[in-house]
Amino acid sequence: MAAEEFKEMFEESLQQIEPPETGQIITTSVIELTNDEVVLDIGAKTEARVKRNEFQTIPNVGDEIEVFVERSGLNYIKVSYKKAEEQKALIKVRQSFDDKTEVEGRILEVIKGGFKVMIENSVQAFLPLSQIELRRVDNPEKYINRIFRLIVIRLEKKGRNLNVVVSRRPILEELRNKKVEDLYASIDVGSEVKCEVVKINPKSVIVEIDGIEKGLIRGSDLSWDRVKNPRTLLKEGQKITAKVIEIDKEKKRILLSIK
């Protein structure tokens, strides 16, 4: 078989390859960068172009990237990198809602009741103020532009819009529970712990140990002398060191003394 004939047969076979279907996400290779576009090799001698403004970071020649097929026909294909990222982000959002897996979200701005968040750089969501910390938040503006691991707790379709609500609390609660278990495993009667006074009652003081677990100091364990008012010895927010005098690891109760 002559070389020219083989070449013609090979090129003809390439033309018979079915183009990607509309709605697919396909893997492509970057073959050229122009001032305005990223040129991609789709395969079978077919190229596609994507506007540079669809990328947050411009890829390099030779990089493989995934794109979404918007329209496809013989010797013609229109693709979008941004829509591929949106589709992949939507898959992660649905997985997070179904399986409680984590997604990444950036805080965009403070709005009524919470925050506007961008999930996986593509999907907008709402993060209630009560769901960003385990404690009360007094200065929500400090969270703007910060990135957090989140879980989707509500996912609803409203017309053409997708209502996505996310939370950070389940992640923080799981982390805190692990730290609490570690704390109870590491202390016993006689152990000294660092605490912060969080509430002063007429006859007792409640402290927080290592920022994760509450402990109680009875009035009689504040001093060898009789204490009429605990506020004469301590103030809320004060850091102290206390000794464990009683502990119930099953019921998660700790009694402390500073005398």
C-alpha atoms as a PDB file:
ATOM      1  CA  MET A   1       0.000   0.000   0.000  1.00  0.00           C
ATOM      2  CA  ALA A   2       1.384   3.392  -1.025  1.00  0.00           C
ATOM      3  CA  ALA A   3       2.169   5.895   1.700  1.00  0.00           C
ATOM      4  CA  GLU A   4      -0.184   8.469   0.196  1.00  0.00           C
ATOM      5  CA  GLU A   5      -3.054   5.957   0.130  1.00  0.00           C
ATOM      6  CA  PHE A   6      -2.411   4.978   3.751  1.00  0.00           C
ATOM      7  CA  LYS A   7      -2.450   8.642   4.762  1.00  0.00           C
ATOM      8  CA  GLU A   8      -5.806   9.186   3.053  1.00  0.00           C
ATOM      9  CA  MET A   9      -7.305   6.112   4.743  1.00  0.00           C
ATOM     10  CA  PHE A  10      -5.995   7.218   8.128  1.00  0.00           C
ATOM     11  CA  GLU A  11      -7.427  10.726   7.769  1.00  0.00           C
ATOM     12  CA  GLU A  12     -10.727   9.269   6.587  1.00  0.00           C
ATOM     13  CA  SER A  13     -10.890   7.018   9.652  1.00  0.00           C
ATOM     14  CA  LEU A  14     -10.331  10.041  11.901  1.00  0.00           C
ATOM     15  CA  GLN A  15     -13.280  11.812  10.307  1.00  0.00           C
ATOM     16  CA  GLN A  16     -15.495   8.832  11.117  1.00  0.00           C
ATOM     17  CA  ILE A  17     -14.785   9.113  14.858  1.00  0.00           C
ATOM     18  CA  GLU A  18     -17.944  10.235  16.631  1.00  0.00           C
ATOM     19  CA  PRO A  19     -17.650  13.742  18.130  1.00  0.00           C
ATOM     20  CA  PRO A  20     -18.239  14.142  21.879  1.00  0.00           C
ATOM     21  CA  GLU A  21     -21.893  14.433  22.879  1.00  0.00           C
ATOM     22  CA  THR A  22     -23.392  17.692  24.065  1.00  0.00           C
ATOM     23  CA  GLY A  23     -23.517  17.783  27.868  1.00  0.00           C
ATOM     24  CA  GLN A  24     -20.415  15.654  28.365  1.00  0.00           C
ATOM     25  CA  ILE A  25     -17.342  16.628  30.348  1.00  0.00           C
ATOM     26  CA  ILE A  26     -14.254  15.625  28.388  1.00  0.00           C
ATOM     27  CA  THR A  27     -10.498  15.762  28.954  1.00  0.00           C
ATOM     28  CA  THR A  28      -8.512  17.891  26.522  1.00  0.00           C
ATOM     29  CA  SER A  29      -4.916  19.087  26.058  1.00  0.00           C
ATOM     30  CA  VAL A  30      -3.782  22.707  25.798  1.00  0.00           C
ATOM     31  CA  ILE A  31      -1.913  23.161  22.504  1.00  0.00           C
ATOM     32  CA  GLU A  32      -1.706  26.951  22.201  1.00  0.00           C
ATOM     33  CA  LEU A  33      -2.258  30.165  24.142  1.00  0.00           C
ATOM     34  CA  THR A  34      -3.330  33.328  22.327  1.00  0.00           C
ATOM     35  CA  ASN A  35      -3.961  36.799  23.710  1.00  0.00           C
ATOM     36  CA  ASP A  36      -7.663  36.051  24.207  1.00  0.00           C
ATOM     37  CA  GLU A  37      -8.068  32.283  24.077  1.00  0.00           C
ATOM     38  CA  VAL A  38      -6.816  28.890  25.203  1.00  0.00           C
ATOM     39  CA  VAL A  39      -6.673  26.479  22.267  1.00  0.00           C
ATOM     40  CA  LEU A  40      -7.462  22.844  23.034  1.00  0.00           C
ATOM     41  CA  ASP A  41      -6.892  19.556  21.247  1.00  0.00           C
ATOM     42  CA  ILE A  42     -10.159  17.618  21.365  1.00  0.00           C
ATOM     43  CA  GLY A  43      -8.786  14.691  19.355  1.00  0.00           C
ATOM     44  CA  ALA A  44      -9.253  13.491  15.788  1.00  0.00           C
ATOM     45  CA  LYS A  45      -7.637  16.693  14.467  1.00  0.00           C
ATOM     46  CA  THR A  46     -10.348  18.795  16.110  1.00  0.00           C
ATOM     47  CA  GLU A  47      -9.598  21.959  18.043  1.00  0.00           C
ATOM     48  CA  ALA A  48     -11.699  24.029  20.398  1.00  0.00           C
ATOM     49  CA  ARG A  49     -11.148  27.458  21.902  1.00  0.00           C
ATOM     50  CA  VAL A  50     -12.004  28.774  25.348  1.00  0.00           C
ATOM     51  CA  LYS A  51     -11.853  32.441  26.360  1.00  0.00           C
ATOM     52  CA  ARG A  52      -9.040  33.185  28.800  1.00  0.00           C
ATOM     53  CA  ASN A  53     -11.483  34.955  31.147  1.00  0.00           C
ATOM     54  CA  GLU A  54     -13.034  31.571  32.013  1.00  0.00           C
ATOM     55  CA  PHE A  55      -9.866  30.646  33.907  1.00  0.00           C
ATOM     56  CA  GLN A  56      -8.779  31.899  37.305  1.00  0.00           C
ATOM     57  CA  THR A  57      -5.312  30.550  36.530  1.00  0.00           C
ATOM     58  CA  ILE A  58      -4.254  30.261  32.883  1.00  0.00           C
ATOM     59  CA  PRO A  59      -3.049  26.715  32.088  1.00  0.00           C
ATOM     60  CA  ASN A  60       0.220  25.978  30.323  1.00  0.00           C
ATOM     61  CA  VAL A  61       0.697  24.387  26.914  1.00  0.00           C
ATOM     62  CA  GLY A  62       0.675  20.624  27.457  1.00  0.00           C
ATOM     63  CA  ASP A  63      -1.658  20.746  30.468  1.00  0.00           C
ATOM     64  CA  GLU A  64      -4.713  18.499  30.476  1.00  0.00           C
ATOM     65  CA  ILE A  65      -7.974  20.187  31.464  1.00  0.00           C
ATOM     66  CA  GLU A  66     -11.618  19.138  31.568  1.00  0.00           C
ATOM     67  CA  VAL A  67     -14.222  21.079  29.605  1.00  0.00           C
ATOM     68  CA  PHE A  68     -18.003  20.911  29.193  1.00  0.00           C
ATOM     69  CA  VAL A  69     -19.346  20.254  25.688  1.00  0.00           C
ATOM     70  CA  GLU A  70     -21.959  22.947  24.963  1.00  0.00           C
ATOM     71  CA  ARG A  71     -22.518  22.083  21.279  1.00  0.00           C
ATOM     72  CA  SER A  72     -21.067  19.378  19.097  1.00  0.00           C
ATOM     73  CA  GLY A  73     -21.198  18.417  15.442  1.00  0.00           C
ATOM     74  CA  LEU A  74     -19.056  17.084  12.653  1.00  0.00           C
ATOM     75  CA  ASN A  75     -15.795  19.066  12.631  1.00  0.00           C
ATOM     76  CA  TYR A  76     -17.303  21.559  15.103  1.00  0.00           C
ATOM     77  CA  ILE A  77     -17.403  21.704  18.871  1.00  0.00           C
ATOM     78  CA  LYS A  78     -18.028  24.445  21.426  1.00  0.00           C
ATOM     79  CA  VAL A  79     -16.737  23.869  24.948  1.00  0.00           C
ATOM     80  CA  SER A  80     -16.553  25.734  28.257  1.00  0.00           C
ATOM     81  CA  TYR A  81     -14.052  25.351  31.077  1.00  0.00           C
ATOM     82  CA  LYS A  82     -16.211  27.401  33.468  1.00  0.00           C
ATOM     83  CA  LYS A  83     -19.287  25.222  32.918  1.00  0.00           C
ATOM     84  CA  ALA A  84     -17.215  22.077  33.496  1.00  0.00           C
ATOM     85  CA  GLU A  85     -16.095  23.501  36.844  1.00  0.00           C
ATOM     86  CA  GLU A  86     -19.718  24.350  37.677  1.00  0.00           C
ATOM     87  CA  GLN A  87     -20.890  20.840  36.808  1.00  0.00           C
ATOM     88  CA  LYS A  88     -18.136  19.232  38.904  1.00  0.00           C
ATOM     89  CA  ALA A  89     -18.939  21.570  41.787  1.00  0.00           C
ATOM     90  CA  LEU A  90     -22.634  20.625  41.576  1.00  0.00           C
ATOM     91  CA  ILE A  91     -21.691  16.958  41.812  1.00  0.00           C
ATOM     92  CA  LYS A  92     -19.670  17.683  44.962  1.00  0.00           C
ATOM     93  CA  VAL A  93     -22.558  19.718  46.407  1.00  0.00           C
ATOM     94  CA  ARG A  94     -25.005  16.839  45.865  1.00  0.00           C
ATOM     95  CA  GLN A  95     -22.533  14.349  47.348  1.00  0.00           C
ATOM     96  CA  SER A  96     -22.077  16.584  50.364  1.00  0.00           C
ATOM     97  CA  PHE A  97     -25.840  16.757  50.898  1.00  0.00           C
ATOM     98  CA  ASP A  98     -26.364  13.004  50.406  1.00  0.00           C
ATOM     99  CA  ASP A  99     -23.272  11.645  52.156  1.00  0.00           C
ATOM    100  CA  LYS A 100     -22.254  14.533  54.473  1.00  0.00           C
ATOM    101  CA  THR A 101     -18.905  14.853  52.709  1.00  0.00           C
ATOM    102  CA  GLU A 102     -17.047  18.161  52.933  1.00  0.00           C
ATOM    103  CA  VAL A 103     -16.823  20.889  50.305  1.00  0.00           C
ATOM    104  CA  GLU A 104     -14.651  23.984  50.183  1.00  0.00           C
ATOM    105  CA  GLY A 105     -16.252  27.409  50.442  1.00  0.00           C
ATOM    106  CA  ARG A 106     -15.024  30.996  50.396  1.00  0.00           C
ATOM    107  CA  ILE A 107     -16.919  33.654  52.374  1.00  0.00           C
ATOM    108  CA  LEU A 108     -17.875  36.407  49.900  1.00  0.00           C
ATOM    109  CA  GLU A 109     -19.868  38.834  52.012  1.00  0.00           C
ATOM    110  CA  VAL A 110     -22.039  39.292  55.078  1.00  0.00           C
ATOM    111  CA  ILE A 111     -25.771  39.285  54.323  1.00  0.00           C
ATOM    112  CA  LYS A 112     -28.918  39.190  56.450  1.00  0.00           C
ATOM    113  CA  GLY A 113     -28.730  36.210  58.802  1.00  0.00           C
ATOM    114  CA  GLY A 114     -25.352  34.954  57.667  1.00  0.00           C
ATOM    115  CA  PHE A 115     -22.937  34.852  54.756  1.00  0.00           C
ATOM    116  CA  LYS A 116     -22.908  34.506  50.987  1.00  0.00           C
ATOM    117  CA  VAL A 117     -20.466  31.703  50.145  1.00  0.00           C
ATOM    118  CA  MET A 118     -18.931  30.429  46.897  1.00  0.00           C
ATOM    119  CA  ILE A 119     -18.618  26.633  46.958  1.00  0.00           C
ATOM    120  CA  GLU A 120     -15.764  25.072  44.954  1.00  0.00           C
ATOM    121  CA  ASN A 121     -15.355  28.408  43.110  1.00  0.00           C
ATOM    122  CA  SER A 122     -18.618  27.801  41.232  1.00  0.00           C
ATOM    123  CA  VAL A 123     -21.800  27.340  43.299  1.00  0.00           C
ATOM    124  CA  GLN A 124     -23.277  30.097  45.446  1.00  0.00           C
ATOM    125  CA  ALA A 125     -24.611  29.113  48.881  1.00  0.00           C
ATOM    126  CA  PHE A 126     -25.893  30.566  52.144  1.00  0.00           C
ATOM    127  CA  LEU A 127     -24.101  29.984  55.441  1.00  0.00           C
ATOM    128  CA  PRO A 128     -26.236  30.962  58.482  1.00  0.00           C
ATOM    129  CA  LEU A 129     -24.389  32.992  61.105  1.00  0.00           C
ATOM    130  CA  SER A 130     -25.221  30.362  63.739  1.00  0.00           C
ATOM    131  CA  GLN A 131     -23.540  27.666  61.641  1.00  0.00           C
ATOM    132  CA  ILE A 132     -20.028  29.105  61.298  1.00  0.00           C
ATOM    133  CA  GLU A 133     -18.866  28.617  64.901  1.00  0.00           C
ATOM    134  CA  LEU A 134     -19.902  26.709  68.013  1.00  0.00           C
ATOM    135  CA  ARG A 135     -20.020  29.986  69.919  1.00  0.00           C
ATOM    136  CA  ARG A 136     -21.760  33.293  69.322  1.00  0.00           C
ATOM    137  CA  VAL A 137     -20.147  35.417  66.601  1.00  0.00           C
ATOM    138  CA  ASP A 138     -19.941  39.158  67.336  1.00  0.00           C
ATOM    139  CA  ASN A 139     -17.851  40.290  64.356  1.00  0.00           C
ATOM    140  CA  PRO A 140     -18.957  38.431  61.186  1.00  0.00           C
ATOM    141  CA  GLU A 141     -16.917  40.716  58.890  1.00  0.00           C
ATOM    142  CA  LYS A 142     -13.701  39.030  60.043  1.00  0.00           C
ATOM    143  CA  TYR A 143     -14.680  35.913  58.058  1.00  0.00           C
ATOM    144  CA  ILE A 144     -14.846  37.625  54.643  1.00  0.00           C
ATOM    145  CA  ASN A 145     -12.509  36.041  52.041  1.00  0.00           C
ATOM    146  CA  ARG A 146     -11.640  33.162  54.378  1.00  0.00           C
ATOM    147  CA  ILE A 147     -11.920  29.585  53.092  1.00  0.00           C
ATOM    148  CA  PHE A 148     -13.574  26.847  55.174  1.00  0.00           C
ATOM    149  CA  ARG A 149     -14.492  23.185  54.901  1.00  0.00           C
ATOM    150  CA  LEU A 150     -18.309  22.970  54.942  1.00  0.00           C
ATOM    151  CA  ILE A 151     -21.171  20.486  54.685  1.00  0.00           C
ATOM    152  CA  VAL A 152     -24.340  21.003  52.635  1.00  0.00           C
ATOM    153  CA  ILE A 153     -27.344  20.787  54.980  1.00  0.00           C
ATOM    154  CA  ARG A 154     -30.079  21.877  52.551  1.00  0.00           C
ATOM    155  CA  LEU A 155     -30.407  21.498  48.792  1.00  0.00           C
ATOM    156  CA  GLU A 156     -33.569  22.660  47.044  1.00  0.00           C
ATOM    157  CA  LYS A 157     -34.457  23.425  43.447  1.00  0.00           C
ATOM    158  CA  LYS A 158     -36.467  26.648  43.099  1.00  0.00           C
ATOM    159  CA  GLY A 159     -37.333  27.212  39.460  1.00  0.00           C
ATOM    160  CA  ARG A 160     -34.026  27.635  37.662  1.00  0.00           C
ATOM    161  CA  ASN A 161     -32.208  28.439  40.884  1.00  0.00           C
ATOM    162  CA  LEU A 162     -30.589  26.039  43.326  1.00  0.00           C
ATOM    163  CA  ASN A 163     -30.992  26.893  47.002  1.00  0.00           C
ATOM    164  CA  VAL A 164     -27.897  25.644  48.833  1.00  0.00           C
ATOM    165  CA  VAL A 165     -27.411  26.034  52.589  1.00  0.00           C
ATOM    166  CA  VAL A 166     -24.137  24.997  54.198  1.00  0.00           C
ATOM    167  CA  SER A 167     -22.821  24.606  57.718  1.00  0.00           C
ATOM    168  CA  ARG A 168     -19.462  24.416  59.467  1.00  0.00           C
ATOM    169  CA  ARG A 169     -20.882  23.271  62.803  1.00  0.00           C
ATOM    170  CA  PRO A 170     -20.959  19.491  62.111  1.00  0.00           C
ATOM    171  CA  ILE A 171     -17.255  19.588  61.279  1.00  0.00           C
ATOM    172  CA  LEU A 172     -16.432  21.642  64.383  1.00  0.00           C
ATOM    173  CA  GLU A 173     -18.592  19.421  66.592  1.00  0.00           C
ATOM    174  CA  GLU A 174     -16.868  16.270  65.343  1.00  0.00           C
ATOM    175  CA  LEU A 175     -13.476  17.862  65.967  1.00  0.00           C
ATOM    176  CA  ARG A 176     -14.512  19.019  69.434  1.00  0.00           C
ATOM    177  CA  ASN A 177     -15.910  15.589  70.347  1.00  0.00           C
ATOM    178  CA  LYS A 178     -12.598  14.001  69.367  1.00  0.00           C
ATOM    179  CA  LYS A 179     -10.703  16.504  71.530  1.00  0.00           C
ATOM    180  CA  VAL A 180     -13.069  15.864  74.444  1.00  0.00           C
ATOM    181  CA  GLU A 181     -12.456  12.111  74.179  1.00  0.00           C
ATOM    182  CA  ASP A 182      -8.709  12.754  74.122  1.00  0.00           C
ATOM    183  CA  LEU A 183      -9.014  15.024  77.158  1.00  0.00           C
ATOM    184  CA  TYR A 184     -10.841  12.417  79.265  1.00  0.00           C
ATOM    185  CA  ALA A 185      -8.318   9.798  78.207  1.00  0.00           C
ATOM    186  CA  SER A 186      -5.405  11.975  79.327  1.00  0.00           C
ATOM    187  CA  ILE A 187      -6.578  13.243  82.747  1.00  0.00           C
ATOM    188  CA  ASP A 188      -7.501  11.664  86.058  1.00  0.00           C
ATOM    189  CA  VAL A 189      -7.952  12.691  89.693  1.00  0.00           C
ATOM    190  CA  GLY A 190      -4.953  14.792  90.633  1.00  0.00           C
ATOM    191  CA  SER A 191      -4.272  16.069  87.123  1.00  0.00           C
ATOM    192  CA  GLU A 192      -3.750  19.793  86.661  1.00  0.00           C
ATOM    193  CA  VAL A 193      -5.567  21.486  83.771  1.00  0.00           C
ATOM    194  CA  LYS A 194      -5.582  24.968  82.268  1.00  0.00           C
ATOM    195  CA  CYS A 195      -8.989  26.638  82.327  1.00  0.00           C
ATOM    196  CA  GLU A 196     -10.824  29.832  81.549  1.00  0.00           C
ATOM    197  CA  VAL A 197     -13.583  31.145  83.802  1.00  0.00           C
ATOM    198  CA  VAL A 198     -16.779  31.337  81.717  1.00  0.00           C
ATOM    199  CA  LYS A 199     -19.494  31.844  84.364  1.00  0.00           C
ATOM    200  CA  ILE A 200     -19.580  32.797  88.024  1.00  0.00           C
ATOM    201  CA  ASN A 201     -22.565  31.658  90.094  1.00  0.00           C
ATOM    202  CA  PRO A 202     -23.291  32.622  93.724  1.00  0.00           C
ATOM    203  CA  LYS A 203     -21.853  29.334  95.030  1.00  0.00           C
ATOM    204  CA  SER A 204     -19.802  27.900  92.154  1.00  0.00           C
ATOM    205  CA  VAL A 205     -17.703  28.721  89.131  1.00  0.00           C
ATOM    206  CA  ILE A 206     -17.935  27.150  85.678  1.00  0.00           C
ATOM    207  CA  VAL A 207     -14.726  26.938  83.681  1.00  0.00           C
ATOM    208  CA  GLU A 208     -13.783  25.711  80.239  1.00  0.00           C
ATOM    209  CA  ILE A 209     -10.866  23.261  80.097  1.00  0.00           C
ATOM    210  CA  ASP A 210      -8.524  23.635  77.127  1.00  0.00           C
ATOM    211  CA  GLY A 211     -11.307  25.497  75.323  1.00  0.00           C
ATOM    212  CA  ILE A 212     -13.348  22.322  74.775  1.00  0.00           C
ATOM    213  CA  GLU A 213     -14.996  20.986  77.966  1.00  0.00           C
ATOM    214  CA  LYS A 214     -16.795  22.465  80.937  1.00  0.00           C
ATOM    215  CA  GLY A 215     -15.712  21.873  84.523  1.00  0.00           C
ATOM    216  CA  LEU A 216     -17.175  22.926  87.868  1.00  0.00           C
ATOM    217  CA  ILE A 217     -15.465  24.481  90.873  1.00  0.00           C
ATOM    218  CA  ARG A 218     -17.688  24.477  93.953  1.00  0.00           C
ATOM    219  CA  GLY A 219     -17.500  27.387  96.363  1.00  0.00           C
ATOM    220  CA  SER A 220     -15.834  25.207  98.984  1.00  0.00           C
ATOM    221  CA  ASP A 221     -13.064  24.343  96.489  1.00  0.00           C
ATOM    222  CA  LEU A 222     -12.162  27.938  95.664  1.00  0.00           C
ATOM    223  CA  SER A 223     -10.156  28.622  98.796  1.00  0.00           C
ATOM    224  CA  TRP A 224      -9.246  27.225 102.227  1.00  0.00           C
ATOM    225  CA  ASP A 225     -11.011  30.282 103.630  1.00  0.00           C
ATOM    226  CA  ARG A 226     -14.744  30.706 103.441  1.00  0.00           C
ATOM    227  CA  VAL A 227     -15.780  32.473 100.220  1.00  0.00           C
ATOM    228  CA  LYS A 228     -19.026  34.453 100.391  1.00  0.00           C
ATOM    229  CA  ASN A 229     -18.835  35.693  96.813  1.00  0.00           C
ATOM    230  CA  PRO A 230     -16.698  33.927  94.158  1.00  0.00           C
ATOM    231  CA  ARG A 231     -16.385  37.238  92.305  1.00  0.00           C
ATOM    232  CA  THR A 232     -14.005  38.448  94.988  1.00  0.00           C
ATOM    233  CA  LEU A 233     -11.522  35.818  93.783  1.00  0.00           C
ATOM    234  CA  LEU A 234     -12.193  35.347  90.080  1.00  0.00           C
ATOM    235  CA  LYS A 235     -13.580  37.154  87.083  1.00  0.00           C
ATOM    236  CA  GLU A 236     -15.053  35.885  83.814  1.00  0.00           C
ATOM    237  CA  GLY A 237     -12.421  35.416  81.132  1.00  0.00           C
ATOM    238  CA  GLN A 238      -9.645  34.852  83.681  1.00  0.00           C
ATOM    239  CA  LYS A 239      -7.136  32.083  82.920  1.00  0.00           C
ATOM    240  CA  ILE A 240      -6.418  29.724  85.803  1.00  0.00           C
ATOM    241  CA  THR A 241      -4.860  26.340  86.589  1.00  0.00           C
ATOM    242  CA  ALA A 242      -7.020  23.887  88.537  1.00  0.00           C
ATOM    243  CA  LYS A 243      -6.674  20.361  89.886  1.00  0.00           C
ATOM    244  CA  VAL A 244      -9.086  17.536  89.078  1.00  0.00           C
ATOM    245  CA  ILE A 245     -10.648  16.255  92.323  1.00  0.00           C
ATOM    246  CA  GLU A 246     -13.433  14.144  90.829  1.00  0.00           C
ATOM    247  CA  ILE A 247     -14.125  12.833  87.332  1.00  0.00           C
ATOM    248  CA  ASP A 248     -16.893  10.748  85.716  1.00  0.00           C
ATOM    249  CA  LYS A 249     -15.656   9.756  82.263  1.00  0.00           C
ATOM    250  CA  GLU A 250     -18.928   8.110  81.256  1.00  0.00           C
ATOM    251  CA  LYS A 251     -21.189  11.022  82.177  1.00  0.00           C
ATOM    252  CA  LYS A 252     -18.523  13.562  81.163  1.00  0.00           C
ATOM    253  CA  ARG A 253     -18.387  15.447  84.470  1.00  0.00           C
ATOM    254  CA  ILE A 254     -15.331  17.077  86.039  1.00  0.00           C
ATOM    255  CA  LEU A 255     -15.015  18.670  89.456  1.00  0.00           C
ATOM    256  CA  LEU A 256     -12.035  20.949  90.028  1.00  0.00           C
ATOM    257  CA  SER A 257     -10.313  22.775  92.855  1.00  0.00           C
ATOM    258  CA  ILE A 258      -7.982  25.768  93.020  1.00  0.00           C
ATOM    259  CA  LYS A 259      -7.331  25.744  96.762  1.00  0.00           C
END
